Amino acid sequence: MEKGLDELSHEGINPKIISGIAALREGKVRFDPPGFDGQYGNMVFTDSENIQEFTTQKSLF
């Protein structure tokens, strides 16, 4: 099941989530190393300028 990005935006999904889905579909995300046997792989974004705000944790309080 693959919904179009327009359809996702009409369902009220966060635009940043939609941007991440688009990056996956366009091949702008890779896994290095890939996951195996229950081990998670590391996700690497090739377009690092769009993820700068996510590199540090925001305050919880």
PDB file of N, CA and C in Angstrom:
ATOM      1  N   MET A   1       0.849  -1.173   0.000  1.00  0.00           N
ATOM      2  CA  MET A   1       0.000   0.000   0.000  1.00  0.00           C
ATOM      3  C   MET A   1       0.897   1.238   0.000  1.00  0.00           C
ATOM      4  N   GLU A   2       0.828   1.991  -1.047  1.00  0.00           N
ATOM      5  CA  GLU A   2       1.629   3.206  -1.139  1.00  0.00           C
ATOM      6  C   GLU A   2       0.721   4.369  -1.487  1.00  0.00           C
ATOM      7  N   LYS A   3       0.503   5.242  -0.508  1.00  0.00           N
ATOM      8  CA  LYS A   3      -0.328   6.414  -0.738  1.00  0.00           C
ATOM      9  C   LYS A   3       0.531   7.526  -1.321  1.00  0.00           C
ATOM     10  N   GLY A   4      -0.104   8.376  -2.080  1.00  0.00           N
ATOM     11  CA  GLY A   4       0.596   9.533  -2.618  1.00  0.00           C
ATOM     12  C   GLY A   4       0.865  10.559  -1.523  1.00  0.00           C
ATOM     13  N   LEU A   5       1.864  11.387  -1.720  1.00  0.00           N
ATOM     14  CA  LEU A   5       2.212  12.390  -0.717  1.00  0.00           C
ATOM     15  C   LEU A   5       1.094  13.406  -0.529  1.00  0.00           C
ATOM     16  N   ASP A   6       0.385  13.736  -1.599  1.00  0.00           N
ATOM     17  CA  ASP A   6      -0.754  14.652  -1.485  1.00  0.00           C
ATOM     18  C   ASP A   6      -1.838  14.056  -0.602  1.00  0.00           C
ATOM     19  N   GLU A   7      -2.079  12.773  -0.773  1.00  0.00           N
ATOM     20  CA  GLU A   7      -3.097  12.094   0.024  1.00  0.00           C
ATOM     21  C   GLU A   7      -2.716  12.096   1.507  1.00  0.00           C
ATOM     22  N   LEU A   8      -1.436  11.917   1.798  1.00  0.00           N
ATOM     23  CA  LEU A   8      -0.980  11.938   3.189  1.00  0.00           C
ATOM     24  C   LEU A   8      -1.168  13.318   3.809  1.00  0.00           C
ATOM     25  N   SER A   9      -0.904  14.369   3.041  1.00  0.00           N
ATOM     26  CA  SER A   9      -1.057  15.718   3.585  1.00  0.00           C
ATOM     27  C   SER A   9      -2.520  16.040   3.864  1.00  0.00           C
ATOM     28  N   HIS A  10      -3.427  15.496   3.063  1.00  0.00           N
ATOM     29  CA  HIS A  10      -4.855  15.718   3.296  1.00  0.00           C
ATOM     30  C   HIS A  10      -5.350  14.963   4.523  1.00  0.00           C
ATOM     31  N   GLU A  11      -4.613  13.953   4.962  1.00  0.00           N
ATOM     32  CA  GLU A  11      -4.999  13.187   6.147  1.00  0.00           C
ATOM     33  C   GLU A  11      -4.473  13.818   7.430  1.00  0.00           C
ATOM     34  N   GLY A  12      -3.815  14.964   7.324  1.00  0.00           N
ATOM     35  CA  GLY A  12      -3.348  15.684   8.497  1.00  0.00           C
ATOM     36  C   GLY A  12      -2.035  15.188   9.071  1.00  0.00           C
ATOM     37  N   ILE A  13      -1.247  14.491   8.276  1.00  0.00           N
ATOM     38  CA  ILE A  13       0.047  13.995   8.737  1.00  0.00           C
ATOM     39  C   ILE A  13       1.054  15.140   8.726  1.00  0.00           C
ATOM     40  N   ASN A  14       1.914  15.163   9.738  1.00  0.00           N
ATOM     41  CA  ASN A  14       2.926  16.203   9.893  1.00  0.00           C
ATOM     42  C   ASN A  14       3.761  16.321   8.616  1.00  0.00           C
ATOM     43  N   PRO A  15       3.958  17.542   8.114  1.00  0.00           N
ATOM     44  CA  PRO A  15       4.749  17.733   6.889  1.00  0.00           C
ATOM     45  C   PRO A  15       6.175  17.198   6.980  1.00  0.00           C
ATOM     46  N   LYS A  16       6.773  17.194   8.166  1.00  0.00           N
ATOM     47  CA  LYS A  16       8.130  16.659   8.317  1.00  0.00           C
ATOM     48  C   LYS A  16       8.140  15.147   8.122  1.00  0.00           C
ATOM     49  N   ILE A  17       7.078  14.481   8.545  1.00  0.00           N
ATOM     50  CA  ILE A  17       6.956  13.035   8.328  1.00  0.00           C
ATOM     51  C   ILE A  17       6.810  12.763   6.834  1.00  0.00           C
ATOM     52  N   ILE A  18       5.992  13.557   6.164  1.00  0.00           N
ATOM     53  CA  ILE A  18       5.796  13.402   4.721  1.00  0.00           C
ATOM     54  C   ILE A  18       7.111  13.639   3.982  1.00  0.00           C
ATOM     55  N   SER A  19       7.885  14.620   4.433  1.00  0.00           N
ATOM     56  CA  SER A  19       9.190  14.885   3.825  1.00  0.00           C
ATOM     57  C   SER A  19      10.122  13.688   3.990  1.00  0.00           C
ATOM     58  N   GLY A  20      10.086  13.047   5.143  1.00  0.00           N
ATOM     59  CA  GLY A  20      10.899  11.853   5.375  1.00  0.00           C
ATOM     60  C   GLY A  20      10.481  10.697   4.493  1.00  0.00           C
ATOM     61  N   ILE A  21       9.179  10.520   4.315  1.00  0.00           N
ATOM     62  CA  ILE A  21       8.668   9.466   3.431  1.00  0.00           C
ATOM     63  C   ILE A  21       9.117   9.729   2.001  1.00  0.00           C
ATOM     64  N   ALA A  22       9.044  10.994   1.577  1.00  0.00           N
ATOM     65  CA  ALA A  22       9.477  11.352   0.223  1.00  0.00           C
ATOM     66  C   ALA A  22      10.962  11.063   0.037  1.00  0.00           C
ATOM     67  N   ALA A  23      11.777  11.377   1.048  1.00  0.00           N
ATOM     68  CA  ALA A  23      13.221  11.119   0.961  1.00  0.00           C
ATOM     69  C   ALA A  23      13.501   9.627   0.820  1.00  0.00           C
ATOM     70  N   LEU A  24      12.768   8.801   1.560  1.00  0.00           N
ATOM     71  CA  LEU A  24      12.936   7.348   1.433  1.00  0.00           C
ATOM     72  C   LEU A  24      12.579   6.880   0.032  1.00  0.00           C
ATOM     73  N   ARG A  25      11.473   7.371  -0.489  1.00  0.00           N
ATOM     74  CA  ARG A  25      11.021   6.954  -1.820  1.00  0.00           C
ATOM     75  C   ARG A  25      11.970   7.419  -2.921  1.00  0.00           C
ATOM     76  N   GLU A  26      12.623   8.561  -2.712  1.00  0.00           N
ATOM     77  CA  GLU A  26      13.529   9.110  -3.728  1.00  0.00           C
ATOM     78  C   GLU A  26      14.957   8.591  -3.583  1.00  0.00           C
ATOM     79  N   GLY A  27      15.199   7.753  -2.600  1.00  0.00           N
ATOM     80  CA  GLY A  27      16.529   7.188  -2.409  1.00  0.00           C
ATOM     81  C   GLY A  27      17.521   8.128  -1.755  1.00  0.00           C
ATOM     82  N   LYS A  28      17.038   9.133  -1.035  1.00  0.00           N
ATOM     83  CA  LYS A  28      17.923  10.086  -0.373  1.00  0.00           C
ATOM     84  C   LYS A  28      18.307   9.624   1.032  1.00  0.00           C
ATOM     85  N   VAL A  29      17.876   8.434   1.409  1.00  0.00           N
ATOM     86  CA  VAL A  29      18.195   7.857   2.709  1.00  0.00           C
ATOM     87  C   VAL A  29      18.798   6.490   2.458  1.00  0.00           C
ATOM     88  N   ARG A  30      19.880   6.189   3.172  1.00  0.00           N
ATOM     89  CA  ARG A  30      20.480   4.860   3.050  1.00  0.00           C
ATOM     90  C   ARG A  30      20.754   4.325   4.446  1.00  0.00           C
ATOM     91  N   PHE A  31      21.014   3.052   4.552  1.00  0.00           N
ATOM     92  CA  PHE A  31      21.301   2.413   5.824  1.00  0.00           C
ATOM     93  C   PHE A  31      22.741   1.919   5.808  1.00  0.00           C
ATOM     94  N   ASP A  32      23.551   2.420   6.762  1.00  0.00           N
ATOM     95  CA  ASP A  32      24.962   2.058   6.800  1.00  0.00           C
ATOM     96  C   ASP A  32      25.402   1.870   8.244  1.00  0.00           C
ATOM     97  N   PRO A  33      25.624   0.707   8.721  1.00  0.00           N
ATOM     98  CA  PRO A  33      25.420  -0.570   8.039  1.00  0.00           C
ATOM     99  C   PRO A  33      23.944  -0.935   8.044  1.00  0.00           C
ATOM    100  N   PRO A  34      23.535  -1.786   7.130  1.00  0.00           N
ATOM    101  CA  PRO A  34      22.143  -2.230   7.117  1.00  0.00           C
ATOM    102  C   PRO A  34      21.855  -3.131   8.314  1.00  0.00           C
ATOM    103  N   GLY A  35      20.588  -3.234   8.675  1.00  0.00           N
ATOM    104  CA  GLY A  35      20.206  -4.113   9.774  1.00  0.00           C
ATOM    105  C   GLY A  35      20.256  -5.576   9.356  1.00  0.00           C
ATOM    106  N   PHE A  36      20.368  -6.448  10.356  1.00  0.00           N
ATOM    107  CA  PHE A  36      20.391  -7.886  10.083  1.00  0.00           C
ATOM    108  C   PHE A  36      20.015  -8.634  11.354  1.00  0.00           C
ATOM    109  N   ASP A  37      19.371  -9.766  11.226  1.00  0.00           N
ATOM    110  CA  ASP A  37      19.055 -10.677  12.331  1.00  0.00           C
ATOM    111  C   ASP A  37      18.582  -9.969  13.598  1.00  0.00           C
ATOM    112  N   GLY A  38      17.613  -9.101  13.469  1.00  0.00           N
ATOM    113  CA  GLY A  38      17.072  -8.402  14.631  1.00  0.00           C
ATOM    114  C   GLY A  38      17.866  -7.186  15.072  1.00  0.00           C
ATOM    115  N   GLN A  39      18.948  -6.875  14.401  1.00  0.00           N
ATOM    116  CA  GLN A  39      19.752  -5.694  14.714  1.00  0.00           C
ATOM    117  C   GLN A  39      19.325  -4.547  13.795  1.00  0.00           C
ATOM    118  N   TYR A  40      19.154  -3.381  14.377  1.00  0.00           N
ATOM    119  CA  TYR A  40      18.772  -2.224  13.587  1.00  0.00           C
ATOM    120  C   TYR A  40      19.969  -1.660  12.833  1.00  0.00           C
ATOM    121  N   GLY A  41      19.724  -1.162  11.635  1.00  0.00           N
ATOM    122  CA  GLY A  41      20.767  -0.476  10.882  1.00  0.00           C
ATOM    123  C   GLY A  41      20.773   1.000  11.236  1.00  0.00           C
ATOM    124  N   ASN A  42      21.781   1.712  10.802  1.00  0.00           N
ATOM    125  CA  ASN A  42      21.866   3.157  11.018  1.00  0.00           C
ATOM    126  C   ASN A  42      21.371   3.875   9.778  1.00  0.00           C
ATOM    127  N   MET A  43      20.442   4.802   9.986  1.00  0.00           N
ATOM    128  CA  MET A  43      19.868   5.563   8.893  1.00  0.00           C
ATOM    129  C   MET A  43      20.762   6.766   8.604  1.00  0.00           C
ATOM    130  N   VAL A  44      21.137   6.952   7.345  1.00  0.00           N
ATOM    131  CA  VAL A  44      22.003   8.063   6.952  1.00  0.00           C
ATOM    132  C   VAL A  44      21.256   8.905   5.926  1.00  0.00           C
ATOM    133  N   PHE A  45      21.085  10.196   6.236  1.00  0.00           N
ATOM    134  CA  PHE A  45      20.412  11.110   5.324  1.00  0.00           C
ATOM    135  C   PHE A  45      21.450  11.741   4.415  1.00  0.00           C
ATOM    136  N   THR A  46      21.214  11.716   3.121  1.00  0.00           N
ATOM    137  CA  THR A  46      22.166  12.304   2.185  1.00  0.00           C
ATOM    138  C   THR A  46      21.987  13.813   2.069  1.00  0.00           C
ATOM    139  N   ASP A  47      20.841  14.331   2.477  1.00  0.00           N
ATOM    140  CA  ASP A  47      20.566  15.767   2.437  1.00  0.00           C
ATOM    141  C   ASP A  47      20.604  16.290   3.867  1.00  0.00           C
ATOM    142  N   SER A  48      21.792  16.521   4.405  1.00  0.00           N
ATOM    143  CA  SER A  48      21.950  16.841   5.823  1.00  0.00           C
ATOM    144  C   SER A  48      21.451  18.230   6.206  1.00  0.00           C
ATOM    145  N   GLU A  49      21.292  19.143   5.261  1.00  0.00           N
ATOM    146  CA  GLU A  49      20.860  20.487   5.622  1.00  0.00           C
ATOM    147  C   GLU A  49      19.437  20.499   6.167  1.00  0.00           C
ATOM    148  N   ASN A  50      18.604  19.548   5.775  1.00  0.00           N
ATOM    149  CA  ASN A  50      17.224  19.525   6.237  1.00  0.00           C
ATOM    150  C   ASN A  50      17.051  18.875   7.597  1.00  0.00           C
ATOM    151  N   ILE A  51      18.081  18.254   8.138  1.00  0.00           N
ATOM    152  CA  ILE A  51      17.922  17.567   9.413  1.00  0.00           C
ATOM    153  C   ILE A  51      18.720  18.217  10.531  1.00  0.00           C
ATOM    154  N   GLN A  52      19.296  19.381  10.308  1.00  0.00           N
ATOM    155  CA  GLN A  52      20.125  20.025  11.319  1.00  0.00           C
ATOM    156  C   GLN A  52      19.364  20.271  12.618  1.00  0.00           C
ATOM    157  N   GLU A  53      18.097  20.631  12.550  1.00  0.00           N
ATOM    158  CA  GLU A  53      17.350  20.927  13.765  1.00  0.00           C
ATOM    159  C   GLU A  53      17.067  19.677  14.594  1.00  0.00           C
ATOM    160  N   PHE A  54      17.267  18.491  14.039  1.00  0.00           N
ATOM    161  CA  PHE A  54      16.996  17.261  14.762  1.00  0.00           C
ATOM    162  C   PHE A  54      18.247  16.643  15.374  1.00  0.00           C
ATOM    163  N   THR A  55      19.403  17.306  15.264  1.00  0.00           N
ATOM    164  CA  THR A  55      20.642  16.695  15.738  1.00  0.00           C
ATOM    165  C   THR A  55      20.800  16.762  17.249  1.00  0.00           C
ATOM    166  N   THR A  56      20.090  17.655  17.918  1.00  0.00           N
ATOM    167  CA  THR A  56      20.163  17.726  19.373  1.00  0.00           C
ATOM    168  C   THR A  56      18.778  17.552  19.961  1.00  0.00           C
ATOM    169  N   GLN A  57      18.747  16.980  21.153  1.00  0.00           N
ATOM    170  CA  GLN A  57      17.466  16.786  21.824  1.00  0.00           C
ATOM    171  C   GLN A  57      16.995  18.105  22.399  1.00  0.00           C
ATOM    172  N   LYS A  58      15.736  18.375  22.240  1.00  0.00           N
ATOM    173  CA  LYS A  58      15.155  19.566  22.825  1.00  0.00           C
ATOM    174  C   LYS A  58      14.871  19.290  24.299  1.00  0.00           C
ATOM    175  N   SER A  59      14.777  20.326  25.077  1.00  0.00           N
ATOM    176  CA  SER A  59      14.526  20.182  26.505  1.00  0.00           C
ATOM    177  C   SER A  59      13.176  19.519  26.751  1.00  0.00           C
ATOM    178  N   LEU A  60      13.126  18.668  27.746  1.00  0.00           N
ATOM    179  CA  LEU A  60      11.873  18.003  28.089  1.00  0.00           C
ATOM    180  C   LEU A  60      11.004  18.849  29.008  1.00  0.00           C
ATOM    181  N   PHE A  61      11.609  19.824  29.666  1.00  0.00           N
ATOM    182  CA  PHE A  61      10.848  20.620  30.635  1.00  0.00           C
ATOM    183  C   PHE A  61      10.950  22.097  30.348  1.00  0.00           C
TER     184      PHE A  61
END
